[in-house]
Amino acid sequence: MRLLICLLTAFLLLSSCGKKPTATDIINVRGQDVYITHADKITDTVDIILSDLLEYCEVIPLETIEESFISRAHKVAVSENYIAKKDSEKTPLKLFTRDGKYLRGIGAVGRGPDEYNISLYGVQIDEARDQLYLLPFANARQILVFGTDGLAREHIPLRFQQRKFKAWVENDIVTVLGIPFKQDSAVVFQQTIDGDLIQYIPPEEYHMALDFNSEVSSSHNTGAYDFFQAFYSKTQKDTLYHYDVEANKLVPRYTVDFETDEWPIYFCYDLPGYYYAWISGRGIILADKETTETSYIRFINDFYGGIEVSMHWDTSNGMFISSISALDLKKEIERCLDEDQDEEIIKKLEKLDSEIDENNNDILFVGKFSGSN
């Protein structure tokens, strides 16, 4: 990360004086293109319509019964046939069908065998094996495994204890990307589902957290193992990496630069065709990988008449996820119906409005990114 700061300074000094400033630059770092967005150079906010990003978008009202109710979507996972969702309350992960019908709770919150903390740190659905992988929050020694029937299965032991982490289980190989403390041995590693170590990367000082007041993300939206750490207690540039499995190294891909003395907290995500950054107190940035065109943006769901939506932080595996409360959705529908709309959209909005009550469970908008696997 410090290397990126030095390279960025050199790049700016060598740039042509007559070249029009851009919000995002591309520099070459050891043979790899690295995108750097200068947040303070962005002056406009534009509407991004979802049909420009997604192949389709479907609305999924989650069934509203007492045992299925979720106060707020803290963790969400979507697969071909299932939706898994967890709030921040003392309630278990909820499993729904892809069309929103409630099936059952998965596991239980607690400290006993097969139980997990209130705040899960991640969920992955493995339909090929009819099971889910649950990533516990704080000092995890295993990945919890449950069948879609709700019953515990053999859990996956972790070769290195994890403070906060993301993990992807594919073909009996587990790829773990975490936030290590000073005493920890790995920032990224691969192992078998039996716990046998395949390879690992020791952490540099800038990978280490001082406490639990930091976060890590990995979305797997482009097929790469993207990896981003957000440090609340450090003043430094946080960088989005790709984990190069064959070379067993972290490759820098994207970062955000600020001209202010105090930098805001921000998170970076890898999307097909774009880099996405959420900046606390400022908004959302979208940088086009091909043109480097960069703006603050709002997502507008033109599949449903222009409803404004937000992208959930658990958007992953090429699937766009947005979760909205029933009350907020009804307000958005009312606003859209007050605007000029064609007859087909009006019917779609009126039908959706008639199907939900303001006290219903959250509603999801789910779609596949164009260009995703």
Protein backbone atom coordinates (compact mmCIF):
# COMPACT_ATOMS: atom_id res chain seq x y z
CA MET A 1 0.00 0.00 0.00
CA ARG A 2 2.81 2.42 0.80
CA LEU A 3 4.34 1.45 -2.56
CA LEU A 4 1.14 2.65 -4.25
CA ILE A 5 1.46 6.07 -2.62
CA CYS A 6 5.02 6.51 -3.92
CA LEU A 7 4.09 5.29 -7.39
CA LEU A 8 1.07 7.58 -7.52
CA THR A 9 3.25 10.60 -6.66
CA ALA A 10 5.70 9.73 -9.42
CA PHE A 11 2.87 9.19 -11.89
CA LEU A 12 1.38 12.62 -11.23
CA LEU A 13 4.75 14.35 -11.63
CA LEU A 14 5.40 12.66 -14.97
CA SER A 15 1.92 13.20 -16.38
CA SER A 16 1.55 15.69 -19.19
CA CYS A 17 0.69 19.19 -18.02
CA GLY A 18 -1.78 19.56 -20.87
CA LYS A 19 -3.70 16.39 -20.07
CA LYS A 20 -7.17 16.92 -18.67
CA PRO A 21 -7.33 15.64 -15.07
CA THR A 22 -9.31 12.45 -14.58
CA ALA A 23 -10.87 11.09 -11.42
CA THR A 24 -9.33 7.65 -11.94
CA ASP A 25 -5.82 6.89 -13.16
CA ILE A 26 -4.24 3.60 -14.17
CA ILE A 27 -0.65 2.97 -13.15
CA ASN A 28 1.54 -0.06 -13.74
CA VAL A 29 2.79 -1.85 -10.65
CA ARG A 30 5.11 -4.76 -11.38
CA GLY A 31 3.37 -5.53 -14.65
CA GLN A 32 -0.19 -5.14 -13.33
CA ASP A 33 -2.65 -2.31 -13.95
CA VAL A 34 -3.73 -0.63 -10.72
CA TYR A 35 -6.67 1.80 -10.72
CA ILE A 36 -6.52 4.81 -8.38
CA THR A 37 -9.59 6.99 -7.90
CA HIS A 38 -9.02 10.53 -6.62
CA ALA A 39 -12.23 11.00 -4.66
CA ASP A 40 -11.85 14.75 -4.23
CA LYS A 41 -11.79 15.24 -8.02
CA ILE A 42 -15.27 13.79 -8.46
CA THR A 43 -17.86 16.54 -8.71
CA ASP A 44 -20.92 14.88 -10.21
CA THR A 45 -23.51 12.33 -9.12
CA VAL A 46 -25.24 10.30 -11.82
CA ASP A 47 -28.05 7.76 -11.93
CA ILE A 48 -26.99 4.26 -12.97
CA ILE A 49 -29.90 2.22 -14.29
CA LEU A 50 -29.74 -1.45 -13.39
CA SER A 51 -30.51 -2.65 -16.91
CA ASP A 52 -27.07 -1.30 -17.91
CA LEU A 53 -25.46 -3.60 -15.33
CA LEU A 54 -27.72 -6.63 -15.00
CA GLU A 55 -29.05 -9.29 -17.34
CA TYR A 56 -32.29 -9.38 -15.34
CA CYS A 57 -33.74 -8.29 -12.01
CA GLU A 58 -36.41 -10.07 -10.00
CA VAL A 59 -38.30 -8.92 -6.94
CA ILE A 60 -38.55 -11.42 -4.06
CA PRO A 61 -40.87 -10.62 -1.13
CA LEU A 62 -39.82 -12.81 1.80
CA GLU A 63 -42.66 -14.69 3.46
CA THR A 64 -43.90 -12.92 6.57
CA ILE A 65 -44.65 -15.25 9.46
CA GLU A 66 -43.46 -14.96 13.06
CA GLU A 67 -40.54 -17.39 12.74
CA SER A 68 -39.32 -15.91 9.44
CA PHE A 69 -39.30 -12.23 10.37
CA ILE A 70 -35.96 -10.42 10.05
CA SER A 71 -35.47 -6.97 11.55
CA ARG A 72 -32.64 -5.96 9.21
CA ALA A 73 -30.64 -7.79 6.56
CA HIS A 74 -27.19 -8.12 8.11
CA LYS A 75 -26.02 -11.14 6.08
CA VAL A 76 -27.54 -12.36 2.82
CA ALA A 77 -26.62 -15.18 0.45
CA VAL A 78 -28.45 -16.05 -2.77
CA SER A 79 -28.09 -19.19 -4.88
CA GLU A 80 -30.11 -20.75 -7.68
CA ASN A 81 -32.74 -22.23 -5.37
CA TYR A 82 -32.18 -20.67 -1.94
CA ILE A 83 -31.88 -17.43 -0.02
CA ALA A 84 -30.18 -17.31 3.39
CA LYS A 85 -30.58 -14.25 5.58
CA LYS A 86 -29.47 -13.22 9.07
CA ASP A 87 -30.17 -10.12 11.13
CA SER A 88 -28.20 -8.80 14.12
CA GLU A 89 -30.59 -10.24 16.69
CA LYS A 90 -30.43 -13.43 18.75
CA THR A 91 -32.18 -15.37 16.03
CA PRO A 92 -30.71 -18.04 13.76
CA LEU A 93 -29.94 -17.74 10.08
CA LYS A 94 -33.17 -18.05 8.07
CA LEU A 95 -33.40 -20.19 4.94
CA PHE A 96 -35.93 -19.38 2.22
CA THR A 97 -36.66 -20.77 -1.21
CA ARG A 98 -35.53 -18.59 -4.10
CA ASP A 99 -39.08 -17.23 -4.45
CA GLY A 100 -39.17 -16.19 -0.78
CA LYS A 101 -41.03 -19.03 0.96
CA TYR A 102 -39.67 -19.63 4.46
CA LEU A 103 -38.17 -23.07 5.05
CA ARG A 104 -36.43 -23.14 8.42
CA GLY A 105 -33.82 -21.73 10.75
CA ILE A 106 -30.25 -22.94 10.38
CA GLY A 107 -28.43 -23.80 13.60
CA ALA A 108 -28.76 -21.61 16.68
CA VAL A 109 -27.20 -18.57 18.31
CA GLY A 110 -25.19 -19.46 21.40
CA ARG A 111 -21.88 -20.80 22.66
CA GLY A 112 -22.55 -24.51 22.57
CA PRO A 113 -21.66 -27.13 19.94
CA ASP A 114 -23.02 -26.27 16.49
CA GLU A 115 -23.93 -22.75 17.68
CA TYR A 116 -22.62 -19.38 16.57
CA ASN A 117 -22.31 -15.75 17.63
CA ILE A 118 -25.13 -13.25 17.11
CA SER A 119 -23.19 -11.67 14.24
CA LEU A 120 -22.20 -14.16 11.56
CA TYR A 121 -19.41 -12.83 9.36
CA GLY A 122 -20.37 -14.66 6.19
CA VAL A 123 -22.59 -17.29 4.57
CA GLN A 124 -22.06 -19.42 1.47
CA ILE A 125 -24.66 -21.76 -0.05
CA ASP A 126 -23.34 -24.94 -1.67
CA GLU A 127 -26.26 -26.42 -3.61
CA ALA A 128 -24.19 -29.27 -5.04
CA ARG A 129 -23.84 -30.64 -1.51
CA ASP A 130 -27.11 -29.28 -0.11
CA GLN A 131 -25.27 -27.41 2.61
CA LEU A 132 -24.34 -23.99 3.92
CA TYR A 133 -21.02 -22.68 5.24
CA LEU A 134 -21.28 -20.24 8.14
CA LEU A 135 -18.33 -18.01 9.05
CA PRO A 136 -18.33 -17.23 12.79
CA PHE A 137 -17.42 -13.78 14.02
CA ALA A 138 -14.22 -13.33 16.09
CA ASN A 139 -11.55 -15.93 16.89
CA ALA A 140 -13.02 -18.68 14.73
CA ARG A 141 -11.35 -22.08 14.69
CA GLN A 142 -13.75 -23.69 12.22
CA ILE A 143 -16.26 -23.03 9.47
CA LEU A 144 -19.66 -24.31 10.55
CA VAL A 145 -21.42 -26.61 8.08
CA PHE A 146 -25.17 -27.21 8.05
CA GLY A 147 -27.38 -29.07 5.62
CA THR A 148 -30.26 -27.28 3.94
CA ASP A 149 -32.38 -29.46 6.25
CA GLY A 150 -31.05 -27.38 9.14
CA LEU A 151 -28.98 -30.16 10.70
CA ALA A 152 -25.31 -29.76 11.58
CA ARG A 153 -22.76 -31.66 9.52
CA GLU A 154 -19.03 -32.17 9.93
CA HIS A 155 -17.52 -28.73 10.36
CA ILE A 156 -14.36 -27.57 8.58
CA PRO A 157 -11.37 -27.07 10.91
CA LEU A 158 -9.33 -23.95 10.13
CA ARG A 159 -5.56 -24.33 9.89
CA PHE A 160 -5.12 -20.83 11.34
CA GLN A 161 -7.43 -19.22 13.87
CA GLN A 162 -9.33 -16.30 12.34
CA ARG A 163 -10.28 -12.94 13.90
CA LYS A 164 -12.54 -11.74 11.07
CA PHE A 165 -12.47 -13.51 7.73
CA LYS A 166 -14.06 -14.36 4.43
CA ALA A 167 -13.82 -17.82 2.92
CA TRP A 168 -14.77 -19.61 -0.27
CA VAL A 169 -15.23 -23.40 -0.36
CA GLU A 170 -14.79 -24.84 -3.85
CA ASN A 171 -13.89 -28.38 -4.94
CA ASP A 172 -12.79 -29.43 -1.44
CA ILE A 173 -10.41 -26.44 -1.24
CA VAL A 174 -11.00 -23.62 1.23
CA THR A 175 -9.60 -20.17 0.41
CA VAL A 176 -9.46 -17.93 3.49
CA LEU A 177 -8.87 -14.16 3.44
CA GLY A 178 -8.68 -12.50 6.83
CA ILE A 179 -7.53 -9.74 9.14
CA PRO A 180 -4.66 -11.08 11.25
CA PHE A 181 -3.39 -9.75 14.54
CA LYS A 182 0.32 -9.31 15.21
CA GLN A 183 0.73 -12.86 16.54
CA ASP A 184 -1.01 -14.52 13.58
CA SER A 185 0.82 -16.40 10.83
CA ALA A 186 -1.28 -15.83 7.70
CA VAL A 187 -3.29 -13.11 6.00
CA VAL A 188 -4.46 -15.42 3.19
CA PHE A 189 -4.22 -19.19 2.91
CA GLN A 190 -5.62 -22.27 1.24
CA GLN A 191 -6.35 -25.58 2.87
CA THR A 192 -8.36 -28.74 2.27
CA ILE A 193 -11.77 -29.22 3.86
CA ASP A 194 -10.00 -31.60 6.27
CA GLY A 195 -7.74 -28.80 7.50
CA ASP A 196 -4.52 -29.71 5.67
CA LEU A 197 -2.55 -26.60 4.70
CA ILE A 198 -1.87 -26.08 0.98
CA GLN A 199 -0.21 -22.64 0.96
CA TYR A 200 -0.28 -19.33 2.81
CA ILE A 201 0.92 -15.73 2.73
CA PRO A 202 2.49 -14.31 5.92
CA PRO A 203 1.06 -10.89 6.79
CA GLU A 204 2.94 -7.65 6.27
CA GLU A 205 2.62 -5.03 8.99
CA TYR A 206 0.01 -3.13 6.97
CA HIS A 207 -2.18 -6.26 6.85
CA MET A 208 -2.39 -6.49 10.65
CA ALA A 209 -5.18 -5.06 12.77
CA LEU A 210 -4.68 -3.64 16.23
CA ASP A 211 -8.09 -4.84 17.40
CA PHE A 212 -11.47 -6.00 16.11
CA ASN A 213 -12.32 -2.49 14.91
CA SER A 214 -11.55 -3.37 11.28
CA GLU A 215 -13.35 -5.24 8.49
CA VAL A 216 -12.55 -7.51 5.56
CA SER A 217 -14.55 -8.14 2.39
CA SER A 218 -14.39 -10.52 -0.56
CA SER A 219 -17.16 -10.70 -3.15
CA HIS A 220 -15.98 -13.19 -5.81
CA ASN A 221 -18.09 -11.30 -8.35
CA THR A 222 -15.59 -11.59 -11.20
CA GLY A 223 -14.31 -15.10 -10.47
CA ALA A 224 -11.23 -13.70 -8.74
CA TYR A 225 -10.60 -13.93 -5.01
CA ASP A 226 -10.83 -10.20 -4.37
CA PHE A 227 -9.68 -9.06 -0.95
CA PHE A 228 -10.12 -5.75 0.85
CA GLN A 229 -9.31 -4.74 4.42
CA ALA A 230 -10.79 -1.59 5.97
CA PHE A 231 -8.85 -0.35 8.98
CA TYR A 232 -10.65 2.08 11.26
CA SER A 233 -7.63 2.68 13.49
CA LYS A 234 -4.93 3.29 10.86
CA THR A 235 -4.18 6.25 8.61
CA GLN A 236 -3.17 4.59 5.36
CA LYS A 237 -4.41 3.76 1.89
CA ASP A 238 -6.53 0.59 1.90
CA THR A 239 -6.20 -1.42 -1.31
CA LEU A 240 -8.36 -3.96 -3.12
CA TYR A 241 -6.26 -7.01 -4.04
CA HIS A 242 -6.73 -10.15 -6.06
CA TYR A 243 -5.31 -13.31 -4.57
CA ASP A 244 -3.23 -14.98 -7.30
CA VAL A 245 -3.53 -18.64 -6.34
CA GLU A 246 -0.92 -19.97 -8.76
CA ALA A 247 1.73 -17.47 -7.65
CA ASN A 248 0.45 -17.41 -4.06
CA LYS A 249 0.60 -13.63 -3.85
CA LEU A 250 -1.65 -10.61 -3.44
CA VAL A 251 -1.91 -8.40 -6.53
CA PRO A 252 -3.08 -4.77 -6.04
CA ARG A 253 -6.00 -3.76 -8.27
CA TYR A 254 -7.81 -0.69 -6.97
CA THR A 255 -7.64 1.99 -4.30
CA VAL A 256 -9.08 5.41 -3.45
CA ASP A 257 -7.02 8.52 -2.70
CA PHE A 258 -8.07 11.57 -0.66
CA GLU A 259 -6.56 15.05 -0.37
CA THR A 260 -7.93 15.64 3.13
CA ASP A 261 -5.84 15.18 6.27
CA GLU A 262 -8.38 12.84 7.84
CA TRP A 263 -9.46 10.06 5.51
CA PRO A 264 -12.98 8.66 5.74
CA ILE A 265 -13.64 4.96 6.11
CA TYR A 266 -14.24 3.30 2.75
CA PHE A 267 -14.82 -0.14 1.25
CA CYS A 268 -13.89 -1.27 -2.27
CA TYR A 269 -15.54 -4.04 -4.28
CA ASP A 270 -14.78 -5.70 -7.61
CA LEU A 271 -17.71 -5.88 -10.06
CA PRO A 272 -17.82 -7.06 -13.68
CA GLY A 273 -16.64 -4.03 -15.65
CA TYR A 274 -16.39 -1.69 -12.66
CA TYR A 275 -14.76 -0.94 -9.36
CA TYR A 276 -17.17 0.13 -6.63
CA ALA A 277 -16.32 2.12 -3.50
CA TRP A 278 -18.56 3.04 -0.60
CA ILE A 279 -17.20 6.08 1.25
CA SER A 280 -18.55 6.97 4.68
CA GLY A 281 -20.25 10.35 4.69
CA ARG A 282 -19.87 10.83 0.93
CA GLY A 283 -21.63 8.12 -1.03
CA ILE A 284 -20.91 5.48 -3.64
CA ILE A 285 -18.30 5.69 -6.40
CA LEU A 286 -18.39 3.63 -9.58
CA ALA A 287 -15.27 3.54 -11.78
CA ASP A 288 -15.51 2.07 -15.28
CA LYS A 289 -12.58 -0.30 -15.84
CA GLU A 290 -12.50 0.33 -19.59
CA THR A 291 -13.01 4.10 -19.80
CA THR A 292 -11.99 5.07 -16.22
CA GLU A 293 -15.09 7.28 -16.17
CA THR A 294 -15.87 7.80 -12.49
CA SER A 295 -18.80 9.36 -10.62
CA TYR A 296 -20.71 9.28 -7.42
CA ILE A 297 -23.80 7.27 -8.28
CA ARG A 298 -27.31 6.23 -7.35
CA PHE A 299 -28.69 2.85 -8.43
CA ILE A 300 -32.05 3.20 -10.20
CA ASN A 301 -34.07 0.04 -10.77
CA ASP A 302 -35.58 0.70 -14.18
CA PHE A 303 -36.91 -2.88 -14.26
CA TYR A 304 -39.44 -1.57 -11.72
CA GLY A 305 -40.21 1.98 -12.76
CA GLY A 306 -37.20 3.79 -11.36
CA ILE A 307 -37.18 2.64 -7.74
CA GLU A 308 -33.98 3.83 -6.07
CA VAL A 309 -32.12 0.90 -4.48
CA SER A 310 -28.85 0.27 -2.73
CA MET A 311 -26.44 -2.60 -3.32
CA HIS A 312 -26.13 -4.85 -0.27
CA TRP A 313 -22.57 -5.42 0.93
CA ASP A 314 -23.09 -9.19 0.53
CA THR A 315 -23.52 -8.89 -3.24
CA SER A 316 -21.34 -11.78 -4.41
CA ASN A 317 -20.75 -14.52 -6.98
CA GLY A 318 -21.97 -12.23 -9.74
CA MET A 319 -25.40 -11.74 -8.13
CA PHE A 320 -26.61 -8.21 -7.39
CA ILE A 321 -28.52 -8.07 -4.09
CA SER A 322 -30.59 -5.23 -2.72
CA SER A 323 -32.68 -5.46 0.43
CA ILE A 324 -35.35 -2.89 1.25
CA SER A 325 -37.97 -2.68 3.99
CA ALA A 326 -41.59 -3.05 2.93
CA LEU A 327 -42.42 0.44 4.18
CA ASP A 328 -39.58 2.07 2.24
CA LEU A 329 -40.49 0.12 -0.88
CA LYS A 330 -44.12 1.25 -0.73
CA LYS A 331 -42.93 4.86 -0.44
CA GLU A 332 -40.70 4.39 -3.50
CA ILE A 333 -43.55 2.80 -5.45
CA GLU A 334 -45.79 5.76 -4.59
CA ARG A 335 -43.12 8.19 -5.77
CA CYS A 336 -42.62 6.31 -9.03
CA LEU A 337 -46.36 6.14 -9.72
CA ASP A 338 -46.50 9.93 -9.44
CA GLU A 339 -44.08 10.16 -12.37
CA ASP A 340 -44.74 9.56 -16.06
CA GLN A 341 -44.62 5.80 -16.66
CA ASP A 342 -45.73 3.53 -19.45
CA GLU A 343 -48.76 1.35 -18.86
CA GLU A 344 -46.79 -1.88 -18.41
CA ILE A 345 -44.63 -0.38 -15.65
CA ILE A 346 -47.68 1.12 -13.93
CA LYS A 347 -49.35 -2.30 -13.82
CA LYS A 348 -46.16 -3.91 -12.50
CA LEU A 349 -45.80 -1.32 -9.73
CA GLU A 350 -49.47 -1.45 -8.76
CA LYS A 351 -49.34 -5.24 -8.60
CA LEU A 352 -46.23 -5.17 -6.41
CA ASP A 353 -47.76 -2.53 -4.15
CA SER A 354 -50.92 -4.62 -3.69
CA GLU A 355 -48.88 -7.68 -2.68
CA ILE A 356 -46.99 -6.11 0.21
CA ASP A 357 -47.98 -4.57 3.51
CA GLU A 358 -45.79 -2.00 5.24
CA ASN A 359 -45.27 -4.46 8.13
CA ASN A 360 -44.08 -7.26 5.88
CA ASN A 361 -40.65 -8.83 5.87
CA ASP A 362 -37.92 -7.23 3.77
CA ILE A 363 -38.11 -7.41 -0.02
CA LEU A 364 -35.12 -8.39 -2.13
CA PHE A 365 -34.18 -7.29 -5.63
CA VAL A 366 -31.84 -9.87 -7.15
CA GLY A 367 -30.17 -9.89 -10.56
CA LYS A 368 -27.18 -11.29 -12.41
CA PHE A 369 -24.38 -8.95 -13.45
CA SER A 370 -23.76 -8.88 -17.19
CA GLY A 371 -20.41 -10.49 -17.90
CA SER A 372 -20.34 -12.55 -14.70
CA ASN A 373 -19.72 -16.30 -14.77
